PDB file of all heavy atoms in Angstrom:
ATOM      1  N   THR A   1      75.367-126.507  60.954  1.00  0.00           N
ATOM      2  CA  THR A   1      76.476-127.320  60.989  1.00  0.00           C
ATOM      3  C   THR A   1      76.819-127.911  59.660  1.00  0.00           C
ATOM      4  O   THR A   1      78.077-128.168  59.375  1.00  0.00           O
ATOM      5  CB  THR A   1      76.240-128.567  61.920  1.00  0.00           C
ATOM      6  OG1 THR A   1      75.871-128.084  63.142  1.00  0.00           O
ATOM      7  CG2 THR A   1      77.380-129.467  62.066  1.00  0.00           C
ATOM      8  N   ASP A   2      75.879-127.996  58.729  1.00  0.00           N
ATOM      9  CA  ASP A   2      76.146-128.492  57.363  1.00  0.00           C
ATOM     10  C   ASP A   2      76.477-127.355  56.447  1.00  0.00           C
ATOM     11  O   ASP A   2      76.685-127.686  55.215  1.00  0.00           O
ATOM     12  CB  ASP A   2      74.864-129.150  56.906  1.00  0.00           C
ATOM     13  CG  ASP A   2      74.512-130.440  57.758  1.00  0.00           C
ATOM     14  OD1 ASP A   2      75.451-131.081  58.283  1.00  0.00           O
ATOM     15  OD2 ASP A   2      73.285-130.708  57.888  1.00  0.00           O
ATOM     16  N   MET A   3      76.607-126.183  56.983  1.00  0.00           N
ATOM     17  CA  MET A   3      76.958-125.043  56.005  1.00  0.00           C
ATOM     18  C   MET A   3      78.357-124.610  56.226  1.00  0.00           C
ATOM     19  O   MET A   3      78.951-124.750  57.269  1.00  0.00           O
ATOM     20  CB  MET A   3      76.001-123.859  56.323  1.00  0.00           C
ATOM     21  CG  MET A   3      74.528-124.115  56.082  1.00  0.00           C
ATOM     22  SD  MET A   3      73.487-122.728  56.714  1.00  0.00           S
ATOM     23  CE  MET A   3      74.245-121.408  55.691  1.00  0.00           C
ATOM     24  N   ASN A   4      78.899-124.097  55.108  1.00  0.00           N
ATOM     25  CA  ASN A   4      80.196-123.350  55.219  1.00  0.00           C
ATOM     26  C   ASN A   4      79.841-121.881  55.281  1.00  0.00           C
ATOM     27  O   ASN A   4      79.467-121.297  54.338  1.00  0.00           O
ATOM     28  CB  ASN A   4      80.959-123.582  53.856  1.00  0.00           C
ATOM     29  CG  ASN A   4      82.270-122.943  53.926  1.00  0.00           C
ATOM     30  OD1 ASN A   4      82.601-122.040  54.851  1.00  0.00           O
ATOM     31  ND2 ASN A   4      83.149-123.257  52.879  1.00  0.00           N
ATOM     32  N   ASP A   5      79.870-121.437  56.578  1.00  0.00           N
ATOM     33  CA  ASP A   5      79.478-120.029  56.845  1.00  0.00           C
ATOM     34  C   ASP A   5      80.443-118.975  56.407  1.00  0.00           C
ATOM     35  O   ASP A   5      80.298-117.799  56.700  1.00  0.00           O
ATOM     36  CB  ASP A   5      79.062-119.891  58.312  1.00  0.00           C
ATOM     37  CG  ASP A   5      80.118-120.331  59.248  1.00  0.00           C
ATOM     38  OD1 ASP A   5      81.320-120.189  58.738  1.00  0.00           O
ATOM     39  OD2 ASP A   5      79.923-120.600  60.384  1.00  0.00           O
ATOM     40  N   SER A   6      81.450-119.278  55.686  1.00  0.00           N
ATOM     41  CA  SER A   6      82.364-118.337  55.149  1.00  0.00           C
ATOM     42  C   SER A   6      82.251-118.220  53.604  1.00  0.00           C
ATOM     43  O   SER A   6      82.778-117.226  53.064  1.00  0.00           O
ATOM     44  CB  SER A   6      83.814-118.698  55.501  1.00  0.00           C
ATOM     45  OG  SER A   6      84.047-118.668  56.950  1.00  0.00           O
ATOM     46  N   TYR A   7      81.515-119.116  52.989  1.00  0.00           N
ATOM     47  CA  TYR A   7      81.432-119.153  51.581  1.00  0.00           C
ATOM     48  C   TYR A   7      79.987-119.159  51.158  1.00  0.00           C
ATOM     49  O   TYR A   7      79.213-119.931  51.718  1.00  0.00           O
ATOM     50  CB  TYR A   7      82.123-120.364  50.988  1.00  0.00           C
ATOM     51  CG  TYR A   7      81.900-120.555  49.544  1.00  0.00           C
ATOM     52  CD1 TYR A   7      82.646-119.854  48.559  1.00  0.00           C
ATOM     53  CD2 TYR A   7      80.918-121.429  49.093  1.00  0.00           C
ATOM     54  CE1 TYR A   7      82.305-119.974  47.190  1.00  0.00           C
ATOM     55  CE2 TYR A   7      80.641-121.677  47.689  1.00  0.00           C
ATOM     56  CZ  TYR A   7      81.333-120.964  46.768  1.00  0.00           C
ATOM     57  OH  TYR A   7      81.125-121.035  45.512  1.00  0.00           O
ATOM     58  N   PHE A   8      79.664-118.309  50.186  1.00  0.00           N
ATOM     59  CA  PHE A   8      78.232-118.167  49.743  1.00  0.00           C
ATOM     60  C   PHE A   8      78.315-118.008  48.207  1.00  0.00           C
ATOM     61  O   PHE A   8      79.094-117.291  47.614  1.00  0.00           O
ATOM     62  CB  PHE A   8      77.497-116.987  50.397  1.00  0.00           C
ATOM     63  CG  PHE A   8      77.576-116.921  51.811  1.00  0.00           C
ATOM     64  CD1 PHE A   8      78.643-116.372  52.487  1.00  0.00           C
ATOM     65  CD2 PHE A   8      76.564-117.397  52.522  1.00  0.00           C
ATOM     66  CE1 PHE A   8      78.734-116.337  53.901  1.00  0.00           C
ATOM     67  CE2 PHE A   8      76.558-117.350  53.971  1.00  0.00           C
ATOM     68  CZ  PHE A   8      77.622-116.811  54.605  1.00  0.00           C
ATOM     69  N   LEU A   9      77.435-118.782  47.498  1.00  0.00           N
ATOM     70  CA  LEU A   9      77.162-118.576  46.108  1.00  0.00           C
ATOM     71  C   LEU A   9      75.815-117.988  45.982  1.00  0.00           C
ATOM     72  O   LEU A   9      74.746-118.484  46.375  1.00  0.00           O
ATOM     73  CB  LEU A   9      77.155-119.931  45.381  1.00  0.00           C
ATOM     74  CG  LEU A   9      76.834-119.938  43.904  1.00  0.00           C
ATOM     75  CD1 LEU A   9      77.823-119.110  43.145  1.00  0.00           C
ATOM     76  CD2 LEU A   9      76.672-121.419  43.341  1.00  0.00           C
ATOM     77  N   VAL A  10      75.760-116.749  45.375  1.00  0.00           N
ATOM     78  CA  VAL A  10      74.484-115.947  45.203  1.00  0.00           C
ATOM     79  C   VAL A  10      73.590-116.664  44.209  1.00  0.00           C
ATOM     80  O   VAL A  10      74.024-116.853  43.077  1.00  0.00           O
ATOM     81  CB  VAL A  10      74.812-114.585  44.874  1.00  0.00           C
ATOM     82  CG1 VAL A  10      73.483-113.856  44.832  1.00  0.00           C
ATOM     83  CG2 VAL A  10      75.807-113.988  45.792  1.00  0.00           C
ATOM     84  N   GLU A  11      72.432-116.919  44.593  1.00  0.00           N
ATOM     85  CA  GLU A  11      71.489-117.646  43.734  1.00  0.00           C
ATOM     86  C   GLU A  11      70.928-116.722  42.644  1.00  0.00           C
ATOM     87  O   GLU A  11      71.052-115.495  42.636  1.00  0.00           O
ATOM     88  CB  GLU A  11      70.263-118.172  44.616  1.00  0.00           C
ATOM     89  CG  GLU A  11      70.758-119.098  45.762  1.00  0.00           C
ATOM     90  CD  GLU A  11      69.680-119.153  46.815  1.00  0.00           C
ATOM     91  OE1 GLU A  11      68.609-118.574  46.709  1.00  0.00           O
ATOM     92  OE2 GLU A  11      69.954-119.857  47.738  1.00  0.00           O
ATOM     93  N   GLU A  12      70.302-117.362  41.683  1.00  0.00           N
ATOM     94  CA  GLU A  12      69.813-116.644  40.488  1.00  0.00           C
ATOM     95  C   GLU A  12      68.663-115.671  41.050  1.00  0.00           C
ATOM     96  O   GLU A  12      67.873-115.981  41.937  1.00  0.00           O
ATOM     97  CB  GLU A  12      69.081-117.614  39.553  1.00  0.00           C
ATOM     98  CG  GLU A  12      68.598-116.978  38.245  1.00  0.00           C
ATOM     99  CD  GLU A  12      68.105-117.914  37.279  1.00  0.00           C
ATOM    100  OE1 GLU A  12      68.115-119.189  37.588  1.00  0.00           O
ATOM    101  OE2 GLU A  12      67.473-117.504  36.195  1.00  0.00           O
ATOM    102  N   ASN A  13      68.614-114.456  40.458  1.00  0.00           N
ATOM    103  CA  ASN A  13      67.619-113.434  40.821  1.00  0.00           C
ATOM    104  C   ASN A  13      67.721-113.086  42.313  1.00  0.00           C
ATOM    105  O   ASN A  13      66.622-112.730  42.910  1.00  0.00           O
ATOM    106  CB  ASN A  13      66.191-113.956  40.568  1.00  0.00           C
ATOM    107  CG  ASN A  13      65.955-114.113  39.014  1.00  0.00           C
ATOM    108  OD1 ASN A  13      66.431-113.354  38.166  1.00  0.00           O
ATOM    109  ND2 ASN A  13      65.261-115.278  38.657  1.00  0.00           N
ATOM    110  N   SER A  14      68.840-113.114  42.875  1.00  0.00           N
ATOM    111  CA  SER A  14      69.145-112.805  44.248  1.00  0.00           C
ATOM    112  C   SER A  14      70.317-111.866  44.492  1.00  0.00           C
ATOM    113  O   SER A  14      71.109-111.707  43.541  1.00  0.00           O
ATOM    114  CB  SER A  14      69.235-114.082  45.102  1.00  0.00           C
ATOM    115  OG  SER A  14      68.183-114.950  44.993  1.00  0.00           O
ATOM    116  N   ILE A  15      70.433-111.295  45.647  1.00  0.00           N
ATOM    117  CA  ILE A  15      71.604-110.581  46.016  1.00  0.00           C
ATOM    118  C   ILE A  15      72.050-110.869  47.384  1.00  0.00           C
ATOM    119  O   ILE A  15      71.323-111.489  48.243  1.00  0.00           O
ATOM    120  CB  ILE A  15      71.252-108.997  45.949  1.00  0.00           C
ATOM    121  CG1 ILE A  15      70.087-108.692  46.894  1.00  0.00           C
ATOM    122  CG2 ILE A  15      71.040-108.511  44.564  1.00  0.00           C
ATOM    123  CD1 ILE A  15      69.728-107.241  47.005  1.00  0.00           C
ATOM    124  N   PHE A  16      73.307-110.711  47.691  1.00  0.00           N
ATOM    125  CA  PHE A  16      73.922-110.903  48.995  1.00  0.00           C
ATOM    126  C   PHE A  16      74.200-109.610  49.617  1.00  0.00           C
ATOM    127  O   PHE A  16      74.794-108.751  49.070  1.00  0.00           O
ATOM    128  CB  PHE A  16      75.250-111.706  48.850  1.00  0.00           C
ATOM    129  CG  PHE A  16      75.841-112.143  50.120  1.00  0.00           C
ATOM    130  CD1 PHE A  16      75.451-113.500  50.657  1.00  0.00           C
ATOM    131  CD2 PHE A  16      76.731-111.316  50.852  1.00  0.00           C
ATOM    132  CE1 PHE A  16      76.133-113.851  51.928  1.00  0.00           C
ATOM    133  CE2 PHE A  16      77.238-111.816  52.069  1.00  0.00           C
ATOM    134  CZ  PHE A  16      76.898-113.071  52.578  1.00  0.00           C
ATOM    135  N   VAL A  17      73.633-109.466  50.813  1.00  0.00           N
ATOM    136  CA  VAL A  17      73.677-108.096  51.445  1.00  0.00           C
ATOM    137  C   VAL A  17      74.286-108.142  52.873  1.00  0.00           C
ATOM    138  O   VAL A  17      74.222-109.130  53.523  1.00  0.00           O
ATOM    139  CB  VAL A  17      72.231-107.383  51.528  1.00  0.00           C
ATOM    140  CG1 VAL A  17      71.675-107.134  50.146  1.00  0.00           C
ATOM    141  CG2 VAL A  17      71.253-108.272  52.386  1.00  0.00           C
ATOM    142  N   MET A  18      74.940-107.072  53.218  1.00  0.00           N
ATOM    143  CA  MET A  18      75.477-106.966  54.537  1.00  0.00           C
ATOM    144  C   MET A  18      75.321-105.531  55.032  1.00  0.00           C
ATOM    145  O   MET A  18      75.216-104.609  54.249  1.00  0.00           O
ATOM    146  CB  MET A  18      76.912-107.398  54.524  1.00  0.00           C
ATOM    147  CG  MET A  18      77.278-108.803  54.126  1.00  0.00           C
ATOM    148  SD  MET A  18      78.967-109.214  53.975  1.00  0.00           S
ATOM    149  CE  MET A  18      79.509-109.359  55.654  1.00  0.00           C
ATOM    150  N   GLY A  19      75.396-105.386  56.342  1.00  0.00           N
ATOM    151  CA  GLY A  19      75.278-104.042  56.967  1.00  0.00           C
ATOM    152  C   GLY A  19      76.720-103.459  57.104  1.00  0.00           C
ATOM    153  O   GLY A  19      77.766-104.281  57.218  1.00  0.00           O
ATOM    154  N   ASP A  20      76.902-102.137  56.996  1.00  0.00           N
ATOM    155  CA  ASP A  20      78.228-101.491  57.246  1.00  0.00           C
ATOM    156  C   ASP A  20      78.708-101.658  58.640  1.00  0.00           C
ATOM    157  O   ASP A  20      79.851-101.661  58.849  1.00  0.00           O
ATOM    158  CB  ASP A  20      78.177-100.067  56.784  1.00  0.00           C
ATOM    159  CG  ASP A  20      77.937 -99.898  55.261  1.00  0.00           C
ATOM    160  OD1 ASP A  20      77.935-100.912  54.570  1.00  0.00           O
ATOM    161  OD2 ASP A  20      77.816 -98.728  54.885  1.00  0.00           O
ATOM    162  N   ASN A  21      77.792-101.747  59.602  1.00  0.00           N
ATOM    163  CA  ASN A  21      78.213-102.081  60.930  1.00  0.00           C
ATOM    164  C   ASN A  21      78.187-103.551  61.217  1.00  0.00           C
ATOM    165  O   ASN A  21      77.216-104.053  61.693  1.00  0.00           O
ATOM    166  CB  ASN A  21      77.207-101.285  61.876  1.00  0.00           C
ATOM    167  CG  ASN A  21      77.523-101.487  63.381  1.00  0.00           C
ATOM    168  OD1 ASN A  21      78.722-101.867  63.628  1.00  0.00           O
ATOM    169  ND2 ASN A  21      76.587-101.256  64.233  1.00  0.00           N
ATOM    170  N   ARG A  22      79.333-104.166  60.726  1.00  0.00           N
ATOM    171  CA  ARG A  22      79.241-105.675  60.631  1.00  0.00           C
ATOM    172  C   ARG A  22      79.075-106.411  61.921  1.00  0.00           C
ATOM    173  O   ARG A  22      78.681-107.540  61.965  1.00  0.00           O
ATOM    174  CB  ARG A  22      80.589-106.033  59.958  1.00  0.00           C
ATOM    175  CG  ARG A  22      80.713-105.573  58.594  1.00  0.00           C
ATOM    176  CD  ARG A  22      79.754-106.307  57.628  1.00  0.00           C
ATOM    177  NE  ARG A  22      79.539-105.595  56.402  1.00  0.00           N
ATOM    178  CZ  ARG A  22      80.339-105.554  55.350  1.00  0.00           C
ATOM    179  NH1 ARG A  22      81.488-106.238  55.326  1.00  0.00           N
ATOM    180  NH2 ARG A  22      80.054-104.852  54.314  1.00  0.00           N
ATOM    181  N   ASN A  23      79.394-105.730  63.064  1.00  0.00           N
ATOM    182  CA  ASN A  23      79.227-106.476  64.360  1.00  0.00           C
ATOM    183  C   ASN A  23      77.859-106.213  64.891  1.00  0.00           C
ATOM    184  O   ASN A  23      77.499-106.795  66.023  1.00  0.00           O
ATOM    185  CB  ASN A  23      80.340-105.981  65.334  1.00  0.00           C
ATOM    186  CG  ASN A  23      80.388-106.974  66.560  1.00  0.00           C
ATOM    187  OD1 ASN A  23      80.421-108.101  66.349  1.00  0.00           O
ATOM    188  ND2 ASN A  23      80.508-106.486  67.752  1.00  0.00           N
ATOM    189  N   GLY A  24      77.049-105.438  64.265  1.00  0.00           N
ATOM    190  CA  GLY A  24      75.659-105.153  64.675  1.00  0.00           C
ATOM    191  C   GLY A  24      74.708-105.303  63.581  1.00  0.00           C
ATOM    192  O   GLY A  24      73.703-104.413  63.479  1.00  0.00           O
ATOM    193  N   SER A  25      74.787-106.241  62.623  1.00  0.00           N
ATOM    194  CA  SER A  25      73.915-106.369  61.530  1.00  0.00           C
ATOM    195  C   SER A  25      73.514-107.813  61.314  1.00  0.00           C
ATOM    196  O   SER A  25      74.278-108.678  61.190  1.00  0.00           O
ATOM    197  CB  SER A  25      74.647-105.787  60.332  1.00  0.00           C
ATOM    198  OG  SER A  25      73.892-106.028  59.045  1.00  0.00           O
ATOM    199  N   ASP A  26      72.177-107.916  61.209  1.00  0.00           N
ATOM    200  CA  ASP A  26      71.668-109.279  60.753  1.00  0.00           C
ATOM    201  C   ASP A  26      71.373-109.177  59.223  1.00  0.00           C
ATOM    202  O   ASP A  26      70.679-108.219  58.747  1.00  0.00           O
ATOM    203  CB  ASP A  26      70.258-109.532  61.461  1.00  0.00           C
ATOM    204  CG  ASP A  26      70.325-109.656  62.954  1.00  0.00           C
ATOM    205  OD1 ASP A  26      71.312-110.390  63.350  1.00  0.00           O
ATOM    206  OD2 ASP A  26      69.496-109.204  63.629  1.00  0.00           O
ATOM    207  N   ASP A  27      72.137-109.977  58.515  1.00  0.00           N
ATOM    208  CA  ASP A  27      72.121-109.877  57.063  1.00  0.00           C
ATOM    209  C   ASP A  27      72.304-111.184  56.385  1.00  0.00           C
ATOM    210  O   ASP A  27      71.930-112.261  56.971  1.00  0.00           O
ATOM    211  CB  ASP A  27      73.196-108.888  56.692  1.00  0.00           C
ATOM    212  CG  ASP A  27      74.517-109.117  57.337  1.00  0.00           C
ATOM    213  OD1 ASP A  27      74.941-110.353  57.359  1.00  0.00           O
ATOM    214  OD2 ASP A  27      75.203-108.173  57.733  1.00  0.00           O
ATOM    215  N   SER A  28      72.744-111.243  55.232  1.00  0.00           N
ATOM    216  CA  SER A  28      72.819-112.599  54.423  1.00  0.00           C
ATOM    217  C   SER A  28      73.663-113.600  55.029  1.00  0.00           C
ATOM    218  O   SER A  28      73.619-114.734  54.639  1.00  0.00           O
ATOM    219  CB  SER A  28      73.243-112.193  52.952  1.00  0.00           C
ATOM    220  OG  SER A  28      72.263-111.531  52.255  1.00  0.00           O
ATOM    221  N   ARG A  29      74.556-113.229  55.935  1.00  0.00           N
ATOM    222  CA  ARG A  29      75.389-114.194  56.642  1.00  0.00           C
ATOM    223  C   ARG A  29      74.405-115.133  57.549  1.00  0.00           C
ATOM    224  O   ARG A  29      74.897-116.220  57.891  1.00  0.00           O
ATOM    225  CB  ARG A  29      76.381-113.455  57.611  1.00  0.00           C
ATOM    226  CG  ARG A  29      77.477-112.791  56.821  1.00  0.00           C
ATOM    227  CD  ARG A  29      78.265-111.915  57.738  1.00  0.00           C
ATOM    228  NE  ARG A  29      77.563-110.790  58.299  1.00  0.00           N
ATOM    229  CZ  ARG A  29      78.016-109.970  59.280  1.00  0.00           C
ATOM    230  NH1 ARG A  29      79.246-110.127  59.726  1.00  0.00           N
ATOM    231  NH2 ARG A  29      77.249-109.012  59.628  1.00  0.00           N
ATOM    232  N   ASP A  30      73.299-114.597  57.799  1.00  0.00           N
ATOM    233  CA  ASP A  30      72.338-115.294  58.671  1.00  0.00           C
ATOM    234  C   ASP A  30      71.502-116.185  57.716  1.00  0.00           C
ATOM    235  O   ASP A  30      70.854-115.631  56.789  1.00  0.00           O
ATOM    236  CB  ASP A  30      71.436-114.226  59.377  1.00  0.00           C
ATOM    237  CG  ASP A  30      70.467-114.906  60.365  1.00  0.00           C
ATOM    238  OD1 ASP A  30      70.177-116.013  60.127  1.00  0.00           O
ATOM    239  OD2 ASP A  30      69.997-114.194  61.306  1.00  0.00           O
ATOM    240  N   ALA A  31      71.529-117.451  58.029  1.00  0.00           N
ATOM    241  CA  ALA A  31      70.766-118.383  57.061  1.00  0.00           C
ATOM    242  C   ALA A  31      69.242-118.056  57.097  1.00  0.00           C
ATOM    243  O   ALA A  31      68.614-118.436  56.064  1.00  0.00           O
ATOM    244  CB  ALA A  31      70.935-119.810  57.557  1.00  0.00           C
ATOM    245  N   ARG A  32      68.711-117.346  58.040  1.00  0.00           N
ATOM    246  CA  ARG A  32      67.431-117.065  58.077  1.00  0.00           C
ATOM    247  C   ARG A  32      66.937-116.029  57.026  1.00  0.00           C
ATOM    248  O   ARG A  32      65.882-116.096  56.313  1.00  0.00           O
ATOM    249  CB  ARG A  32      66.911-116.480  59.385  1.00  0.00           C
ATOM    250  CG  ARG A  32      65.413-116.228  59.525  1.00  0.00           C
ATOM    251  CD  ARG A  32      65.113-115.822  60.921  1.00  0.00           C
ATOM    252  NE  ARG A  32      63.648-115.601  61.095  1.00  0.00           N
ATOM    253  CZ  ARG A  32      62.807-116.491  61.435  1.00  0.00           C
ATOM    254  NH1 ARG A  32      63.108-117.733  61.728  1.00  0.00           N
ATOM    255  NH2 ARG A  32      61.457-116.253  61.501  1.00  0.00           N
ATOM    256  N   LEU A  33      67.948-115.190  56.604  1.00  0.00           N
ATOM    257  CA  LEU A  33      67.731-114.274  55.550  1.00  0.00           C
ATOM    258  C   LEU A  33      68.385-114.848  54.254  1.00  0.00           C
ATOM    259  O   LEU A  33      67.817-114.966  53.198  1.00  0.00           O
ATOM    260  CB  LEU A  33      68.350-112.874  55.887  1.00  0.00           C
ATOM    261  CG  LEU A  33      68.153-111.807  54.744  1.00  0.00           C
ATOM    262  CD1 LEU A  33      66.782-111.437  54.440  1.00  0.00           C
ATOM    263  CD2 LEU A  33      68.936-110.586  55.023  1.00  0.00           C
ATOM    264  N   GLY A  34      69.738-115.109  54.362  1.00  0.00           N
ATOM    265  CA  GLY A  34      70.499-115.731  53.221  1.00  0.00           C
ATOM    266  C   GLY A  34      70.434-114.747  52.028  1.00  0.00           C
ATOM    267  O   GLY A  34      70.380-113.484  52.127  1.00  0.00           O
TER     268      GLY A  34
END
């Protein structure tokens, strides 16, 4: 609830990743992975 789930700032020494099958992928949009 406290997060803006449409905007992400990639942290130092990190990458933001997503799956090509966007409707069937657990990825950086999920706060558990981030």
